[in-house]
Every structure is written in C-alpha cells, then in structure tokens.
C-alpha atoms as a PDB file:
ATOM      1  CA  MET A   1       6.425  -4.603  -3.051  1.00  0.00           C
ATOM      2  CA  LEU A   2       6.747  -6.458   0.396  1.00  0.00           C
ATOM      3  CA  CYS A   3       7.015  -5.551   3.699  1.00  0.00           C
ATOM      4  CA  HIS A   4       7.947  -7.950   6.604  1.00  0.00           C
ATOM      5  CA  LEU A   5       5.534  -7.445   9.781  1.00  0.00           C
ATOM      6  CA  ASN A   6       6.447  -7.485  13.311  1.00  0.00           C
ATOM      7  CA  TYR A   7       3.385  -9.749  14.390  1.00  0.00           C
ATOM      8  CA  ASN A   8       3.004 -13.335  15.193  1.00  0.00           C
ATOM      9  CA  ILE A   9      -0.153 -15.489  15.858  1.00  0.00           C
ATOM     10  CA  ASP A  10      -1.271 -18.660  17.571  1.00  0.00           C
ATOM     11  CA  LYS A  11      -0.590 -20.877  14.319  1.00  0.00           C
ATOM     12  CA  GLU A  12      -2.050 -23.929  16.274  1.00  0.00           C
ATOM     13  CA  PHE A  13      -5.576 -22.134  17.036  1.00  0.00           C
ATOM     14  CA  PHE A  14      -5.745 -20.773  13.400  1.00  0.00           C
ATOM     15  CA  ARG A  15      -4.997 -24.035  11.710  1.00  0.00           C
ATOM     16  CA  LYS A  16      -7.506 -25.789  13.761  1.00  0.00           C
ATOM     17  CA  ALA A  17     -10.150 -23.231  12.757  1.00  0.00           C
ATOM     18  CA  PHE A  18      -8.965 -24.061   9.139  1.00  0.00           C
ATOM     19  CA  TYR A  19      -9.726 -27.462   9.525  1.00  0.00           C
ATOM     20  CA  ASP A  20     -12.689 -27.069  11.900  1.00  0.00           C
ATOM     21  CA  ASN A  21     -14.567 -24.529   8.792  1.00  0.00           C
ATOM     22  CA  TYR A  22     -12.910 -26.707   6.034  1.00  0.00           C
ATOM     23  CA  ASP A  23     -15.986 -28.478   4.621  1.00  0.00           C
ATOM     24  CA  LYS A  24     -17.504 -24.592   4.233  1.00  0.00           C
ATOM     25  CA  GLY A  25     -14.871 -23.833   1.544  1.00  0.00           C
ATOM     26  CA  SER A  26     -14.517 -24.290  -1.747  1.00  0.00           C
ATOM     27  CA  TRP A  27     -11.924 -24.980  -4.657  1.00  0.00           C
ATOM     28  CA  HIS A  28     -11.275 -21.781  -6.504  1.00  0.00           C
ATOM     29  CA  LYS A  29     -14.247 -21.436  -9.430  1.00  0.00           C
ATOM     30  CA  LYS A  30     -14.818 -19.687 -12.396  1.00  0.00           C
ATOM     31  CA  GLY A  31     -18.107 -20.874 -14.474  1.00  0.00           C
ATOM     32  CA  ASN A  32     -17.803 -24.523 -14.837  1.00  0.00           C
ATOM     33  CA  ILE A  33     -13.825 -24.407 -14.560  1.00  0.00           C
ATOM     34  CA  VAL A  34     -12.638 -25.900 -11.009  1.00  0.00           C
ATOM     35  CA  PHE A  35      -9.128 -25.125  -9.758  1.00  0.00           C
ATOM     36  CA  ASP A  36      -8.876 -28.183  -7.150  1.00  0.00           C
ATOM     37  CA  LYS A  37      -5.320 -27.537  -6.267  1.00  0.00           C
ATOM     38  CA  TRP A  38      -6.424 -24.023  -4.415  1.00  0.00           C
ATOM     39  CA  TRP A  39      -8.907 -24.059  -1.427  1.00  0.00           C
ATOM     40  CA  LYS A  40     -10.466 -20.816   0.344  1.00  0.00           C
ATOM     41  CA  VAL A  41     -12.927 -20.456   3.253  1.00  0.00           C
ATOM     42  CA  PHE A  42     -14.555 -17.338   3.457  1.00  0.00           C
ATOM     43  CA  LYS A  43     -16.964 -15.801   6.096  1.00  0.00           C
ATOM     44  CA  ILE A  44     -14.256 -16.182   9.027  1.00  0.00           C
ATOM     45  CA  GLU A  45     -14.507 -12.294  10.002  1.00  0.00           C
ATOM     46  CA  SER A  46     -15.836 -13.668  13.561  1.00  0.00           C
ATOM     47  CA  ILE A  47     -13.192 -15.897  13.964  1.00  0.00           C
ATOM     48  CA  VAL A  48     -10.230 -13.653  12.928  1.00  0.00           C
ATOM     49  CA  SER A  49     -11.549 -10.574  14.738  1.00  0.00           C
ATOM     50  CA  SER A  50      -9.109 -10.569  17.251  1.00  0.00           C
ATOM     51  CA  ILE A  51      -6.187 -10.194  14.551  1.00  0.00           C
ATOM     52  CA  THR A  52      -8.068  -7.256  12.579  1.00  0.00           C
ATOM     53  CA  LYS A  53      -8.157  -5.339  15.718  1.00  0.00           C
ATOM     54  CA  ASP A  54      -4.459  -5.930  16.410  1.00  0.00           C
ATOM     55  CA  LEU A  55      -3.736  -4.648  12.659  1.00  0.00           C
ATOM     56  CA  GLY A  56      -5.858  -1.847  13.123  1.00  0.00           C
ATOM     57  CA  ILE A  57      -7.851  -2.593  10.094  1.00  0.00           C
ATOM     58  CA  GLU A  58     -11.474  -3.334  11.242  1.00  0.00           C
ATOM     59  CA  ASN A  59     -12.836   0.180   9.359  1.00  0.00           C
ATOM     60  CA  LEU A  60     -11.017  -0.726   6.306  1.00  0.00           C
ATOM     61  CA  ASN A  61     -12.650  -2.595   2.971  1.00  0.00           C
ATOM     62  CA  ILE A  62     -11.332  -5.945   4.199  1.00  0.00           C
ATOM     63  CA  LEU A  63     -11.953  -9.717   3.311  1.00  0.00           C
ATOM     64  CA  PRO A  64     -10.130 -12.425   5.208  1.00  0.00           C
ATOM     65  CA  ARG A  65     -10.078 -15.928   4.193  1.00  0.00           C
ATOM     66  CA  PHE A  66      -7.889 -19.026   4.841  1.00  0.00           C
ATOM     67  CA  SER A  67      -6.327 -19.721   1.368  1.00  0.00           C
ATOM     68  CA  TYR A  68      -4.890 -23.357   0.692  1.00  0.00           C
ATOM     69  CA  GLN A  69      -2.873 -24.490  -2.023  1.00  0.00           C
ATOM     70  CA  VAL A  70      -1.849 -28.287  -2.457  1.00  0.00           C
ATOM     71  CA  ALA A  71       1.937 -29.244  -2.540  1.00  0.00           C
ATOM     72  CA  ASN A  72       3.553 -29.083  -6.078  1.00  0.00           C
ATOM     73  CA  SER A  73       1.436 -26.586  -7.692  1.00  0.00           C
ATOM     74  CA  THR A  74       2.094 -23.071  -8.836  1.00  0.00           C
ATOM     75  CA  LEU A  75       0.010 -19.793  -9.671  1.00  0.00           C
ATOM     76  CA  ASN A  76       1.825 -18.108 -12.427  1.00  0.00           C
ATOM     77  CA  SER A  77       2.252 -14.527 -13.120  1.00  0.00           C
ATOM     78  CA  HIS A  78      -0.700 -12.201 -12.385  1.00  0.00           C
ATOM     79  CA  ILE A  79      -1.589  -9.111 -10.907  1.00  0.00           C
ATOM     80  CA  ASP A  80      -4.931  -9.432  -8.391  1.00  0.00           C
ATOM     81  CA  LYS A  81      -8.105  -7.269  -9.415  1.00  0.00           C
ATOM     82  CA  ASP A  82      -9.141  -4.293  -7.856  1.00  0.00           C
ATOM     83  CA  ARG A  83      -5.936  -3.055  -6.860  1.00  0.00           C
ATOM     84  CA  ILE A  84      -6.241  -4.809  -3.572  1.00  0.00           C
ATOM     85  CA  VAL A  85      -3.494  -4.811  -0.860  1.00  0.00           C
ATOM     86  CA  GLY A  86      -2.675  -8.544   0.957  1.00  0.00           C
ATOM     87  CA  ILE A  87      -1.758  -9.148   4.465  1.00  0.00           C
ATOM     88  CA  ASN A  88      -0.771 -12.495   4.569  1.00  0.00           C
ATOM     89  CA  LEU A  89       0.114 -14.450   7.600  1.00  0.00           C
ATOM     90  CA  ASN A  90       1.796 -17.904   7.718  1.00  0.00           C
ATOM     91  CA  LEU A  91      -0.168 -20.764   9.366  1.00  0.00           C
ATOM     92  CA  PHE A  92       2.213 -23.752   8.458  1.00  0.00           C
ATOM     93  CA  ASP A  93       6.044 -24.436  10.041  1.00  0.00           C
ATOM     94  CA  GLU A  94       7.769 -23.662   6.986  1.00  0.00           C
ATOM     95  CA  GLN A  95       7.528 -20.203   5.381  1.00  0.00           C
ATOM     96  CA  PRO A  96       5.780 -19.616   2.147  1.00  0.00           C
ATOM     97  CA  GLU A  97       7.794 -18.217  -1.118  1.00  0.00           C
ATOM     98  CA  ILE A  98       6.125 -15.628  -3.468  1.00  0.00           C
ATOM     99  CA  ILE A  99       7.894 -14.532  -6.519  1.00  0.00           C
ATOM    100  CA  ILE A 100       7.695 -10.302  -6.864  1.00  0.00           C
ATOM    101  CA  ASP A 101       8.787  -8.928 -10.341  1.00  0.00           C
ATOM    102  CA  SER A 102      11.314 -11.866 -10.752  1.00  0.00           C
ATOM    103  CA  LYS A 103      12.436 -12.164  -7.286  1.00  0.00           C
ATOM    104  CA  ILE A 104      11.823 -14.655  -4.604  1.00  0.00           C
ATOM    105  CA  TYR A 105      10.613 -13.289  -1.170  1.00  0.00           C
ATOM    106  CA  LYS A 106      10.319 -16.058   1.883  1.00  0.00           C
ATOM    107  CA  TYR A 107       8.009 -14.951   4.564  1.00  0.00           C
ATOM    108  CA  GLU A 108       6.414 -15.441   7.883  1.00  0.00           C
ATOM    109  CA  ASN A 109       3.696 -12.516   8.029  1.00  0.00           C
ATOM    110  CA  ALA A 110       3.584  -9.788   5.417  1.00  0.00           C
ATOM    111  CA  LEU A 111       2.250  -6.860   3.772  1.00  0.00           C
ATOM    112  CA  ILE A 112       1.916  -7.387   0.183  1.00  0.00           C
ATOM    113  CA  ASP A 113       0.850  -5.092  -2.992  1.00  0.00           C
ATOM    114  CA  VAL A 114      -0.419  -7.763  -4.801  1.00  0.00           C
ATOM    115  CA  GLY A 115      -2.800  -5.348  -6.810  1.00  0.00           C
ATOM    116  CA  SER A 116       0.151  -3.668  -8.207  1.00  0.00           C
ATOM    117  CA  LYS A 117       2.700  -6.096  -8.699  1.00  0.00           C
ATOM    118  CA  VAL A 118       3.194  -9.051 -10.905  1.00  0.00           C
ATOM    119  CA  HIS A 119       3.752 -11.657  -8.842  1.00  0.00           C
ATOM    120  CA  SER A 120       3.191 -15.694  -8.679  1.00  0.00           C
ATOM    121  CA  VAL A 121       2.860 -18.084  -5.608  1.00  0.00           C
ATOM    122  CA  ILE A 122       4.543 -21.143  -5.283  1.00  0.00           C
ATOM    123  CA  ALA A 123       3.696 -24.288  -3.350  1.00  0.00           C
ATOM    124  CA  LYS A 124       6.834 -27.061  -3.741  1.00  0.00           C
ATOM    125  CA  ASN A 125       7.079 -30.160  -1.737  1.00  0.00           C
ATOM    126  CA  LYS A 126       4.573 -29.233   0.926  1.00  0.00           C
ATOM    127  CA  PRO A 127       1.132 -27.305   0.600  1.00  0.00           C
ATOM    128  CA  ARG A 128       0.997 -23.592   1.780  1.00  0.00           C
ATOM    129  CA  LEU A 129      -1.754 -22.653   4.368  1.00  0.00           C
ATOM    130  CA  VAL A 130      -1.960 -18.551   4.727  1.00  0.00           C
ATOM    131  CA  LEU A 131      -4.319 -16.381   6.440  1.00  0.00           C
ATOM    132  CA  LYS A 132      -4.793 -13.981   4.100  1.00  0.00           C
ATOM    133  CA  TYR A 133      -6.724 -10.397   4.192  1.00  0.00           C
ATOM    134  CA  ALA A 134      -7.842  -8.719   0.724  1.00  0.00           C
ATOM    135  CA  ILE A 135      -7.937  -4.951   1.413  1.00  0.00           C
ATOM    136  CA  ARG A 136      -9.389  -2.371  -1.265  1.00  0.00           C
ATOM    137  CA  ASN A 137      -7.835   0.109   0.326  1.00  0.00           C
ATOM    138  CA  PRO A 138      -4.667   2.271  -0.841  1.00  0.00           C
ATOM    139  CA  TRP A 139      -1.428   0.615  -0.055  1.00  0.00           C
ATOM    140  CA  SER A 140      -0.172   4.094   1.625  1.00  0.00           C
ATOM    141  CA  GLU A 141      -3.418   4.069   3.861  1.00  0.00           C
ATOM    142  CA  ILE A 142      -2.390   0.499   5.077  1.00  0.00           C
ATOM    143  CA  TYR A 143       1.040   1.046   5.320  1.00  0.00           C
ATOM    144  CA  ASN A 144       1.035   4.052   7.676  1.00  0.00           C
ATOM    145  CA  ILE A 145      -1.807   2.103   9.906  1.00  0.00           C
ATOM    146  CA  LEU A 146       0.721  -0.915  10.352  1.00  0.00           C
ATOM    147  CA  ASP A 147       3.207   1.222  10.560  1.00  0.00           C
ATOM    148  CA  LYS A 148       2.074   3.557  13.289  1.00  0.00           C
ATOM    149  CA  ARG A 149       1.535   0.421  15.475  1.00  0.00           C
ATOM    150  CA  GLY A 150       5.016  -0.706  15.030  1.00  0.00           C
ATOM    151  CA  LEU A 151       4.089  -3.583  12.898  1.00  0.00           C
ATOM    152  CA  ILE A 152       6.395  -3.072   9.975  1.00  0.00           C
ATOM    153  CA  ASP A 153       9.645  -4.832  10.498  1.00  0.00           C
ATOM    154  CA  HIS A 154      11.883  -2.256   8.872  1.00  0.00           C
ATOM    155  CA  THR A 155      15.229  -3.915   9.355  1.00  0.00           C
ATOM    156  CA  LYS A 156      13.746  -7.415   7.564  1.00  0.00           C
ATOM    157  CA  THR A 157      12.077  -5.071   4.997  1.00  0.00           C
ATOM    158  CA  TYR A 158      15.041  -2.964   4.201  1.00  0.00           C
ATOM    159  CA  PHE A 159      17.215  -5.792   3.614  1.00  0.00           C
ATOM    160  CA  ASP A 160      14.942  -7.081   0.860  1.00  0.00           C
ATOM    161  CA  ASN A 161      13.932  -3.874  -0.174  1.00  0.00           C
ATOM    162  CA  PRO A 162      16.381  -1.195   0.489  1.00  0.00           C
ATOM    163  CA  ASN A 163      14.139   1.340  -1.063  1.00  0.00           C
ATOM    164  CA  TYR A 164      10.860   0.112   0.493  1.00  0.00           C
ATOM    165  CA  GLU A 165      10.335   4.018   1.999  1.00  0.00           C
ATOM    166  CA  LEU A 166      10.270   5.491  -1.206  1.00  0.00           C
ATOM    167  CA  TYR A 167       7.719   3.180  -2.842  1.00  0.00           C
ATOM    168  CA  GLU A 168       4.591   4.067  -4.608  1.00  0.00           C
ATOM    169  CA  SER A 169       2.049   1.843  -5.377  1.00  0.00           C
ATOM    170  CA  LYS A 170       1.070   1.816  -9.133  1.00  0.00           C
ATOM    171  CA  ILE A 171       1.065  -0.611 -12.286  1.00  0.00           C
ATOM    172  CA  LEU A 172       3.015  -0.130 -14.942  1.00  0.00           C
ATOM    173  CA  ASP A 173       1.460  -0.055 -18.435  1.00  0.00           C
ATOM    174  CA  SER A 174       3.444  -2.872 -19.554  1.00  0.00           C
ATOM    175  CA  ASP A 175       2.201  -4.756 -16.637  1.00  0.00           C
ATOM    176  CA  LYS A 176      -1.451  -4.235 -17.284  1.00  0.00           C
ATOM    177  CA  GLN A 177      -1.768  -7.616 -19.358  1.00  0.00           C
ATOM    178  CA  PHE A 178      -1.282  -9.240 -15.848  1.00  0.00           C
ATOM    179  CA  ILE A 179      -4.480  -8.032 -14.491  1.00  0.00           C
ATOM    180  CA  LYS A 180      -6.920 -10.978 -13.517  1.00  0.00           C
ATOM    181  CA  TRP A 181     -10.226  -8.842 -13.472  1.00  0.00           C
ATOM    182  CA  ASN A 182      -9.489  -6.494 -16.387  1.00  0.00           C
ATOM    183  CA  GLN A 183      -8.469  -8.800 -19.184  1.00  0.00           C
ATOM    184  CA  ASN A 184      -9.577 -12.721 -19.388  1.00  0.00           C
ATOM    185  CA  ILE A 185      -5.681 -13.940 -19.061  1.00  0.00           C
ATOM    186  CA  ILE A 186      -5.330 -17.818 -19.046  1.00  0.00           C
ATOM    187  CA  LEU A 187      -2.834 -18.362 -16.254  1.00  0.00           C
ATOM    188  CA  PHE A 188      -1.318 -21.848 -16.495  1.00  0.00           C
ATOM    189  CA  ILE A 189      -0.945 -23.804 -13.653  1.00  0.00           C
ATOM    190  CA  GLN A 190       1.680 -26.512 -13.199  1.00  0.00           C
ATOM    191  CA  TYR A 191       1.207 -29.439 -11.120  1.00  0.00           C
ATOM    192  CA  GLN A 192       3.537 -32.316 -10.668  1.00  0.00           C
ATOM    193  CA  PHE A 193       2.567 -35.448 -10.196  1.00  0.00           C
ATOM    194  CA  LYS A 194       5.002 -37.801  -8.344  1.00  0.00           C
ATOM    195  CA  GLN A 195       3.295 -41.172  -7.507  1.00  0.00           C
ATOM    196  CA  HIS A 196       4.874 -43.429 -10.233  1.00  0.00           C
ATOM    197  CA  ILE A 197       6.707 -41.211 -12.807  1.00  0.00           C
ATOM    198  CA  ASN A 198       7.185 -37.309 -13.045  1.00  0.00           C
ATOM    199  CA  VAL A 199       4.943 -35.499 -15.311  1.00  0.00           C
ATOM    200  CA  ILE A 200       4.020 -31.955 -15.279  1.00  0.00           C
ATOM    201  CA  TRP A 201       0.332 -31.277 -16.222  1.00  0.00           C
ATOM    202  CA  LEU A 202       0.004 -27.464 -17.774  1.00  0.00           C
ATOM    203  CA  VAL A 203      -4.086 -26.749 -17.011  1.00  0.00           C
ATOM    204  CA  PRO A 204      -5.374 -23.433 -18.381  1.00  0.00           C
ATOM    205  CA  ILE A 205      -7.315 -21.908 -16.024  1.00  0.00           C
ATOM    206  CA  VAL A 206      -9.540 -18.389 -16.260  1.00  0.00           C
ATOM    207  CA  ILE A 207      -8.920 -17.185 -12.780  1.00  0.00           C
ATOM    208  CA  LEU A 208     -11.907 -14.093 -12.875  1.00  0.00           C
ATOM    209  CA  ALA A 209     -13.524 -15.206  -9.328  1.00  0.00           C
ATOM    210  CA  LYS A 210     -12.889 -13.107  -6.656  1.00  0.00           C
ATOM    211  CA  CYS A 211      -9.885 -12.664  -4.570  1.00  0.00           C
END
C-alpha cells in the first residue's frame, strides 16, 4: 500500500545536508558483504527534526536516514524486517519508482507499507535519493496521525488505490518468504554497466542489516 502525501520539503536544503554528511554514511553491509550501490547516512535526527514535527511522528519509534541508490540498480522483491512502515521523501527532481505487488508507483512523498507488502526499488538511468523514516509503529496509527494533519493526499491515493481506506496491514502467508529479517533471503541486485558494453551483473547479496 502506498499513500501519497500533501507535504513538500526544501529539497535543496536537505540535498545539501546529505552531501555535507555523506562521509558519515556507509554502503549497505552485512558481515563482509558490501552492497556498493546503496549508501545510507544515519544519525540525522537533529537535521530533520523540523520535518519530524511537521509530520507529527516525534513520539513514534522512528529511525530517519538519507538513502542514496546509484543509477541502473534494482533491489529485487522483498519485505522489510520488523513490519516497519516507511515515509519516503524525494530529494531529487525526478520522482522515484517503487513496485508494490507487481504495480509500479511513482511518487514525490509517500507513506508506504514496506514491512507488509512485497516491493522492489528501482533506480533507472539516474540515481535515487530519499529521506526515509523507518517507523516501527502500526500502519493505522501512522496513517491516522498524518490524516488528522491533512497530510494524506486522498485524491492521488484514490487514483492509484481506490480501496485504500479499507486497507488492513498484514503479511500474506504466501509472502512470508520475502521477509528479509526472518529468513536468509538472497536478493539479486541487478546492475547494468554502460561504459563500453552492456552487461547485466547479477550479484547475490544477503541483506539482513538494519533497515
């Protein structure tokens, strides 16, 4: 489930904050295996505190981070651990894409049930940079907080998901195989190099690190 948000941020300011703090981040890593297509910067709570308060989520169990994914890379189908709910805020001009239950969504800023729905993340010919809040609270609680503040864009959300108001956050039995935390799922990361020849490398990565 994806709900579009009636919320905009100062992209230039937060892009600069990302680049200013870039060296404090690291590539996504599990053990000795490094996924060098996905850079994360944590410990940014003070930088994004104004957004946290705007969204009304300062009393929830949140973990914000800048999430940068290089161009021409794909994180294949998975479900995030701990039933987390994500708030993704786009920091580039081009809207990012996410595939949820085989449907492609483009969004500017969105509430996404990444801890219950099978999804994959795409960065095409341009990189992807989002400010992501990983929230370990129930979907309904977060949705209600945002809705009471007028931050759910009901028109855009209805267009993509006509039955969104009836949505119940749960993991289907058939989807439990995609949970990153409960099983050692190998996610195949596709990366296409376009320097001299077009070659697609399939790199198996066990992703169990914190989201």
